Each structure stands twice: as C-alpha cells, then as structure tokens.
Amino acid sequence: MRYISTRGAAPVLDFGQAMMTGLARDGGLYVPQTVPVLSADDIAALAGLPYETVALRVMKPFVGGFFADDELQALLAKAYAGFGHAARAPLTQLAANHFLLELFHGPTLAFKDFAMQIIGQMMQAALARSGARITIVGATSGDTGSAAIEAFRGLPNVDVFILFPHGRVSEVQRRQMTTPTEANVHALAIEGSFDDAQARLKDMFNDFAFRDAVGLAGVNSINWARILAQVVYYFYAAVALGAPHRAVSFTVPTGNFGDIFAGYIARQMGLPVERLVIATNQNDILDRAMRTGQYRTDGVRPSLSPSMDIQVSSNFERALFDALGRDGRATAALMDDLKAGGFSLSQGVLQALRATFASGRCGEAETLATIRDTLAATGELLCPHSAVGVHVAAQHLSATPMITLATAHPAKFPDAVERACGIRPGLPPRLGDLFDRAERVTRVPNDLAALQRLIRERTGR
C-alpha cells in the first residue's frame, strides 16, 4: 500500500512512513494511492466479531507489511483494553429507525480515543524498532489533545506538546490535558482559536529545518493513521444493523471533517453507506459550502460544542482531492485561495460532493432543546456535540437506518448539559478525582518563533 499527497508534489510513502510523517512536505495530506475494496462476503463475515478483530480485518489492507497480523492484533488488544464497555462502540436505539453509536467509552471519554490509543501503540512499536525519538505536536479544540496525551504519556521515545485555545475548552477537557504528571507531556494554552493553533502546527511542519531537528510527528487528523482507525467503527456499526444486506446512513457532528471522511473511506471500501450527513454547529462553514458552493471563513464563534468551533476544516482537503479527480495542482490552488479567505466550488465538484454528503446546522438553542427532548423521550443524556448530530440527523431520516455518532460523554461538558436539562452528569469513577489533581500548563502566544523556541528548550534538540 502506497500513500500520495493531496497536493501531488511530495514523496510517495508506505504506511509506516505516512504514519510517522503526518503532514506531507508539500503541505498536503496523505491518502491511499488506491482504496482496497472488501467483498460483500468479507463484510458479512464481520458480524458478531469482537471490535479488535473487525479492526484487524479493516485496517490490514492499508497497513501492508509494516506490521505482521499477529503484531497488529496484539497492538489492537492493548489499545482497547482500557475502554469502559466490552463492546467498545455499542449502539443505542433512539427511535424506530435512528440509532446512536456511543464512541465515548475510551479513557478520555471521546471518540478520539479509538484512533489515538492504537496510534500510540503503533508509533511506539515503530520507534522501538528504530531506536529513534520523536516530538509530537498536536492542535486541539478539546478532545484530540487529551486523547493524545493519554496515549503517549510516559512512553520512552516520545515528547508530546499539545496546543489548545486558552479559555475555549471545557474544564474537563482542560484538566485532562493539564493534570498528567509525566515529564514527556506538555500542555500549551495558546492565545487564540483552534484555527490559530492548527495554523501554527502546520507552520511548524512546513519549516523543514525545525521539523527535522526535533523529529516532528503529528497526531491530528492530518495523520492518515487517525482516519484509518476511525474507519473501523463504521463497519462495526453497519454490520450490526444488517450490512451488507441493507444500506445504512450516518450523521457525524464534525468540525475538522476527519471523522466523517473516515465514513467516506468505509463507503469506498464497499460498505453500503447511502448518505453521510455533515452536522455543524453555529460555526457552519461546511454546511454553507455544501449548500452554496462557497467555502469562506468568517471567524470562529465560541459555542456549547467547542470541539466543533472550527472554520478551517483540514480534512475537507482530502474530499476535495477526490472530487477534483485527484488533481494535486487544482487542490493546492484551492488551498492557496483559502489562505486569502476562501474559494468557490465548481458545479462539477459540488455535484461530486453532494453524491455522498448531505449537511445541516444546529444552533445553540436547538442544541439545548435536543439534549432536553432526547432525555425526555429516550432517557439518553447527550453531550452538546452529539446533540448537534441528533438534531441534524432528524432532518435526514428515511427508510434507511440512520446512525448518529455520539462523539463524547456528557460529563465532559457538564455546564451545557445542566443548562439544557437540569442534570449535571458525573464523571465515571476512574476519573472521579480529576478536579482534585494539580494542573501543569504553559500559556503561549500565537507566535511561531516563540513556540519553536519553547519546544527546542524542552526537548534539548
């Protein structure tokens, strides 16, 4: 399996190289040169299997020979051993044809754990072979950072620096990043938005002298391995509802487009996905782009669902690359236009996207109402991000079963949940002392040179 950049001017890599590289050297994102297709019999055979076995069968064609089957199986078993539910990703029924996929049973109570836990194991295994040391720098709107820290804390070959927007994450999200005591973990509160943090991250990757000097690696959803790990739960959920013998649809609350792009890859692999519905909060650039063909940033507004407070959706580039006929130059041109504020999609590109994706928007009042009404109707307590998904999914229900991704535990956002329904959700027992732990965090300016200087000082590289 080989991987190519969406901008067409970076070296072609194998899986291990793509995983350790993250962002391509031409500024693009790595994607498979070809997407392997599973037969209907292969998909049907996944029904009833443990999550880890499904993961092995789905991920194996993309990994190539980088990990042997028994090694990958052992890494998967270790990655998911700490999840709080034996099914890993259980389905809950909300209505006659509407289901909730609970992706919040991992160690940090968010869907990011599904990818981050296995990436941590795979990267450490690769580093143990080579004896190399890497510096992971991540940008987070809340959940990626805590999941990355949980996955890499204390590992001998890794230093971890996580940038999060100061004052724009929930207290639980912040404390999950600032309370680990391991010396290789560094939580950095940046002045600005998530888009600012993500921009500085990309700047670091594009400074090749710095990148090579500190051994920079990325675990944001720009990393292909993140997307691959998330493809698994689309198969796991769909076969539970009868795939491949009947189609399913998915609604995905998303800001950076990575989680829903994983569903797109599952569809390309042969999973009968009728529709992928993009659910946005009031920062609705993706919904506006799908409706109008105009992708134009207009500033980030803080919301009840902060992990979706994003205007520059990095993984949308991967979808555009395919919609443009895998034309790297055309993709790069659109990304250059984005730096100036945005771009217009041609009718052909928009039609290609609409063939797979639908979209919708959920405002603040609707988010609160959805939490309250879902609790009253089903007894299910939603986090505000999952509520965005449920609200938008309701606009797209049909005879095809709809699966909405529940991306975080409600206890990660207790203020919003309590405001909606009067119930303040408690943390699971394993996180019961989170508010008693000492915090360790560094405030940093939105300045590339200052960030690079700090990272060099702390890594000694």
Foldseek 3Di string as FASTA:
>chain_A
DWKAFLQGDFDIHAQVCLQLLLATLVRGFIDDPAFAADDQVRLLVCPPDALLVLLLSLCVVRNDVPDDSVRLSVLSCQLCVQFQDRNCWDWDDLDDQEIETLLQRHPLRFVLSLQQSSSLSVVLVVCVVVVAAAEEEEFALFPNQLSNCVNNAPRDRYAYEYEYAPPQFFPSSQLSQFFDDGLSGAYEHEHDHSVLSVVLVSVCSNPVVLCVVRSYGYDDLSRVSSLSSLLSVVSVVLSNVPPPVAEAEEEEEAAQCSNLVSVVSNVSNPTRYQAYEYFYEPLPQVQCCLVPQKLFGDDFDRALPRRNRHRHNRCVLVLLCVLVVNHSNVSVVQVVVVVVTTDGHDPSSSVSCVSHYHYDYHYRVQLLQQQAVSCVSPVDGAASSQSSRVVTVVVVDDPHRYYYYRGGDNQSRQVSSCVSHVDRDDDPPVCNCSVVGDTHHHYDYSDNVRVSVVSCVSSVD
